[in-house]
Amino acid sequence: EEVLLRPEQISACVLRKLYDTAERDHRRRTNADAGESASSAKVRVTRAVIGVPAYFTESQRRATVRASELAGVPKVKLLPEPEAAALAYGAASDGRGGDGGTARSDDEEELILVFDLGG
């Protein structure tokens, strides 16, 4: 029997797998940090930030939110990928950005190019 799936249903399957993996890895790290006697209480992903291509239409963005809802996570923030790249650059924990360059002081002017190569 042939089964037809809408694109957002396929995306929901991918997202559910990602959510499950994140939950499992979180439990594994938590148990490792607390020792073997730690509880294996189930921690669930309740919110998500999903990077989407900058060219996504409003319809495609709504479909992405629906996919997350189908996967069991209704609280979603969509973030255009170029914005995600810019945020990741500024959020580097060592203050050097993603390029491994030297730290700069806050009074220095800096020009940063954020380019979404796509793919």
C-alpha atoms as a PDB file:
ATOM      1  CA  GLU A   1       0.000   0.000   0.000  1.00  0.00           C
ATOM      2  CA  GLU A   2       1.341   3.405  -0.969  1.00  0.00           C
ATOM      3  CA  VAL A   3       1.585   6.035   1.767  1.00  0.00           C
ATOM      4  CA  LEU A   4       1.820   9.691   0.865  1.00  0.00           C
ATOM      5  CA  LEU A   5       3.352  12.085   3.335  1.00  0.00           C
ATOM      6  CA  ARG A   6       3.229  15.864   3.275  1.00  0.00           C
ATOM      7  CA  PRO A   7       6.612  17.620   3.477  1.00  0.00           C
ATOM      8  CA  GLU A   8       5.900  18.809   7.018  1.00  0.00           C
ATOM      9  CA  GLN A   9       5.195  15.220   8.100  1.00  0.00           C
ATOM     10  CA  ILE A  10       8.617  14.175   6.842  1.00  0.00           C
ATOM     11  CA  SER A  11      10.168  17.200   8.570  1.00  0.00           C
ATOM     12  CA  ALA A  12       8.315  16.206  11.758  1.00  0.00           C
ATOM     13  CA  CYS A  13       9.957  12.758  11.624  1.00  0.00           C
ATOM     14  CA  VAL A  14      13.394  14.358  11.268  1.00  0.00           C
ATOM     15  CA  LEU A  15      12.702  16.825  14.092  1.00  0.00           C
ATOM     16  CA  ARG A  16      11.365  14.084  16.392  1.00  0.00           C
ATOM     17  CA  LYS A  17      14.572  12.105  15.820  1.00  0.00           C
ATOM     18  CA  LEU A  18      16.646  15.199  16.634  1.00  0.00           C
ATOM     19  CA  TYR A  19      14.566  15.900  19.767  1.00  0.00           C
ATOM     20  CA  ASP A  20      14.874  12.255  20.882  1.00  0.00           C
ATOM     21  CA  THR A  21      18.632  12.322  20.348  1.00  0.00           C
ATOM     22  CA  ALA A  22      18.982  15.567  22.324  1.00  0.00           C
ATOM     23  CA  GLU A  23      16.917  14.124  25.191  1.00  0.00           C
ATOM     24  CA  ARG A  24      18.896  10.862  25.245  1.00  0.00           C
ATOM     25  CA  ASP A  25      22.251  12.653  25.124  1.00  0.00           C
ATOM     26  CA  HIS A  26      21.167  15.028  27.883  1.00  0.00           C
ATOM     27  CA  ARG A  27      20.244  12.072  30.115  1.00  0.00           C
ATOM     28  CA  ARG A  28      23.534  10.362  29.316  1.00  0.00           C
ATOM     29  CA  ARG A  29      25.586  13.458  30.207  1.00  0.00           C
ATOM     30  CA  THR A  30      23.535  14.147  33.342  1.00  0.00           C
ATOM     31  CA  ASN A  31      23.904  10.562  34.554  1.00  0.00           C
ATOM     32  CA  ALA A  32      27.637  10.570  33.812  1.00  0.00           C
ATOM     33  CA  ASP A  33      28.091  13.809  35.760  1.00  0.00           C
ATOM     34  CA  ALA A  34      26.048  12.565  38.742  1.00  0.00           C
ATOM     35  CA  GLY A  35      27.468   9.044  38.819  1.00  0.00           C
ATOM     36  CA  GLU A  36      25.866   5.744  37.961  1.00  0.00           C
ATOM     37  CA  SER A  37      23.282   5.954  40.756  1.00  0.00           C
ATOM     38  CA  ALA A  38      21.638   9.004  39.195  1.00  0.00           C
ATOM     39  CA  SER A  39      17.987   8.853  38.245  1.00  0.00           C
ATOM     40  CA  SER A  40      17.107   8.366  34.614  1.00  0.00           C
ATOM     41  CA  ALA A  41      14.167  10.764  34.787  1.00  0.00           C
ATOM     42  CA  LYS A  42      12.917  11.580  31.321  1.00  0.00           C
ATOM     43  CA  VAL A  43      13.704  15.140  30.298  1.00  0.00           C
ATOM     44  CA  ARG A  44      11.716  16.371  27.313  1.00  0.00           C
ATOM     45  CA  VAL A  45      12.469  19.060  24.774  1.00  0.00           C
ATOM     46  CA  THR A  46       9.731  21.633  25.352  1.00  0.00           C
ATOM     47  CA  ARG A  47      10.969  24.474  23.149  1.00  0.00           C
ATOM     48  CA  ALA A  48      13.114  24.686  20.048  1.00  0.00           C
ATOM     49  CA  VAL A  49      14.957  27.210  17.928  1.00  0.00           C
ATOM     50  CA  ILE A  50      15.042  26.082  14.307  1.00  0.00           C
ATOM     51  CA  GLY A  51      17.270  27.680  11.689  1.00  0.00           C
ATOM     52  CA  VAL A  52      15.539  28.197   8.352  1.00  0.00           C
ATOM     53  CA  PRO A  53      16.841  29.526   5.047  1.00  0.00           C
ATOM     54  CA  ALA A  54      16.533  33.288   4.749  1.00  0.00           C
ATOM     55  CA  TYR A  55      14.507  32.924   1.552  1.00  0.00           C
ATOM     56  CA  PHE A  56      11.755  30.824   3.204  1.00  0.00           C
ATOM     57  CA  THR A  57       8.308  32.193   2.491  1.00  0.00           C
ATOM     58  CA  GLU A  58       5.762  32.702   5.237  1.00  0.00           C
ATOM     59  CA  SER A  59       4.041  29.506   4.102  1.00  0.00           C
ATOM     60  CA  GLN A  60       7.282  27.531   4.441  1.00  0.00           C
ATOM     61  CA  ARG A  61       7.887  29.049   7.858  1.00  0.00           C
ATOM     62  CA  ARG A  62       4.371  28.040   8.996  1.00  0.00           C
ATOM     63  CA  ALA A  63       4.971  24.517   7.663  1.00  0.00           C
ATOM     64  CA  THR A  64       8.168  24.324   9.725  1.00  0.00           C
ATOM     65  CA  VAL A  65       6.286  25.348  12.863  1.00  0.00           C
ATOM     66  CA  ARG A  66       3.598  22.736  12.073  1.00  0.00           C
ATOM     67  CA  ALA A  67       6.316  20.093  11.660  1.00  0.00           C
ATOM     68  CA  SER A  68       7.643  20.865  15.126  1.00  0.00           C
ATOM     69  CA  GLU A  69       4.118  20.735  16.530  1.00  0.00           C
ATOM     70  CA  LEU A  70       3.604  17.329  14.874  1.00  0.00           C
ATOM     71  CA  ALA A  71       6.882  16.211  16.468  1.00  0.00           C
ATOM     72  CA  GLY A  72       5.520  17.180  19.888  1.00  0.00           C
ATOM     73  CA  VAL A  73       7.263  20.520  20.444  1.00  0.00           C
ATOM     74  CA  PRO A  74       4.782  23.368  19.899  1.00  0.00           C
ATOM     75  CA  LYS A  75       6.930  26.232  21.236  1.00  0.00           C
ATOM     76  CA  VAL A  76       9.203  27.141  18.345  1.00  0.00           C
ATOM     77  CA  LYS A  77      11.252  30.158  17.376  1.00  0.00           C
ATOM     78  CA  LEU A  78      12.372  30.260  13.744  1.00  0.00           C
ATOM     79  CA  LEU A  79      15.685  31.938  13.098  1.00  0.00           C
ATOM     80  CA  PRO A  80      16.922  32.791   9.609  1.00  0.00           C
ATOM     81  CA  GLU A  81      20.271  31.044   9.091  1.00  0.00           C
ATOM     82  CA  PRO A  82      22.301  34.234   8.438  1.00  0.00           C
ATOM     83  CA  GLU A  83      21.042  35.622  11.763  1.00  0.00           C
ATOM     84  CA  ALA A  84      21.987  32.361  13.466  1.00  0.00           C
ATOM     85  CA  ALA A  85      25.495  32.630  12.031  1.00  0.00           C
ATOM     86  CA  ALA A  86      25.823  36.218  13.239  1.00  0.00           C
ATOM     87  CA  LEU A  87      24.586  35.294  16.710  1.00  0.00           C
ATOM     88  CA  ALA A  88      26.940  32.326  16.883  1.00  0.00           C
ATOM     89  CA  TYR A  89      29.867  34.568  15.983  1.00  0.00           C
ATOM     90  CA  GLY A  90      29.001  37.019  18.755  1.00  0.00           C
ATOM     91  CA  ALA A  91      28.213  34.311  21.289  1.00  0.00           C
ATOM     92  CA  ALA A  92      31.593  32.558  21.162  1.00  0.00           C
ATOM     93  CA  SER A  93      32.481  31.769  24.768  1.00  0.00           C
ATOM     94  CA  ASP A  94      36.084  32.879  24.408  1.00  0.00           C
ATOM     95  CA  GLY A  95      35.196  36.265  22.917  1.00  0.00           C
ATOM     96  CA  ARG A  96      37.138  35.487  19.739  1.00  0.00           C
ATOM     97  CA  GLY A  97      34.280  34.488  17.475  1.00  0.00           C
ATOM     98  CA  GLY A  98      34.261  31.391  15.342  1.00  0.00           C
ATOM     99  CA  ASP A  99      37.473  32.177  13.455  1.00  0.00           C
ATOM    100  CA  GLY A 100      39.881  31.724  16.367  1.00  0.00           C
ATOM    101  CA  GLY A 101      41.155  35.284  15.920  1.00  0.00           C
ATOM    102  CA  THR A 102      42.325  37.521  18.710  1.00  0.00           C
ATOM    103  CA  ALA A 103      39.922  39.096  21.176  1.00  0.00           C
ATOM    104  CA  ARG A 104      39.109  42.739  20.612  1.00  0.00           C
ATOM    105  CA  SER A 105      38.232  45.425  23.100  1.00  0.00           C
ATOM    106  CA  ASP A 106      34.704  46.869  23.064  1.00  0.00           C
ATOM    107  CA  ASP A 107      35.920  50.265  21.854  1.00  0.00           C
ATOM    108  CA  GLU A 108      37.425  48.862  18.648  1.00  0.00           C
ATOM    109  CA  GLU A 109      35.355  49.061  15.490  1.00  0.00           C
ATOM    110  CA  GLU A 110      35.035  45.776  13.660  1.00  0.00           C
ATOM    111  CA  LEU A 111      33.658  44.811  10.273  1.00  0.00           C
ATOM    112  CA  ILE A 112      32.189  41.317  10.136  1.00  0.00           C
ATOM    113  CA  LEU A 113      30.854  39.651   7.019  1.00  0.00           C
ATOM    114  CA  VAL A 114      28.171  37.032   7.608  1.00  0.00           C
ATOM    115  CA  PHE A 115      27.602  34.973   4.496  1.00  0.00           C
ATOM    116  CA  ASP A 116      25.152  32.108   4.180  1.00  0.00           C
ATOM    117  CA  LEU A 117      26.696  29.771   1.646  1.00  0.00           C
ATOM    118  CA  GLY A 118      23.563  27.659   1.551  1.00  0.00           C
ATOM    119  CA  GLY A 119      23.535  24.019   0.739  1.00  0.00           C
END
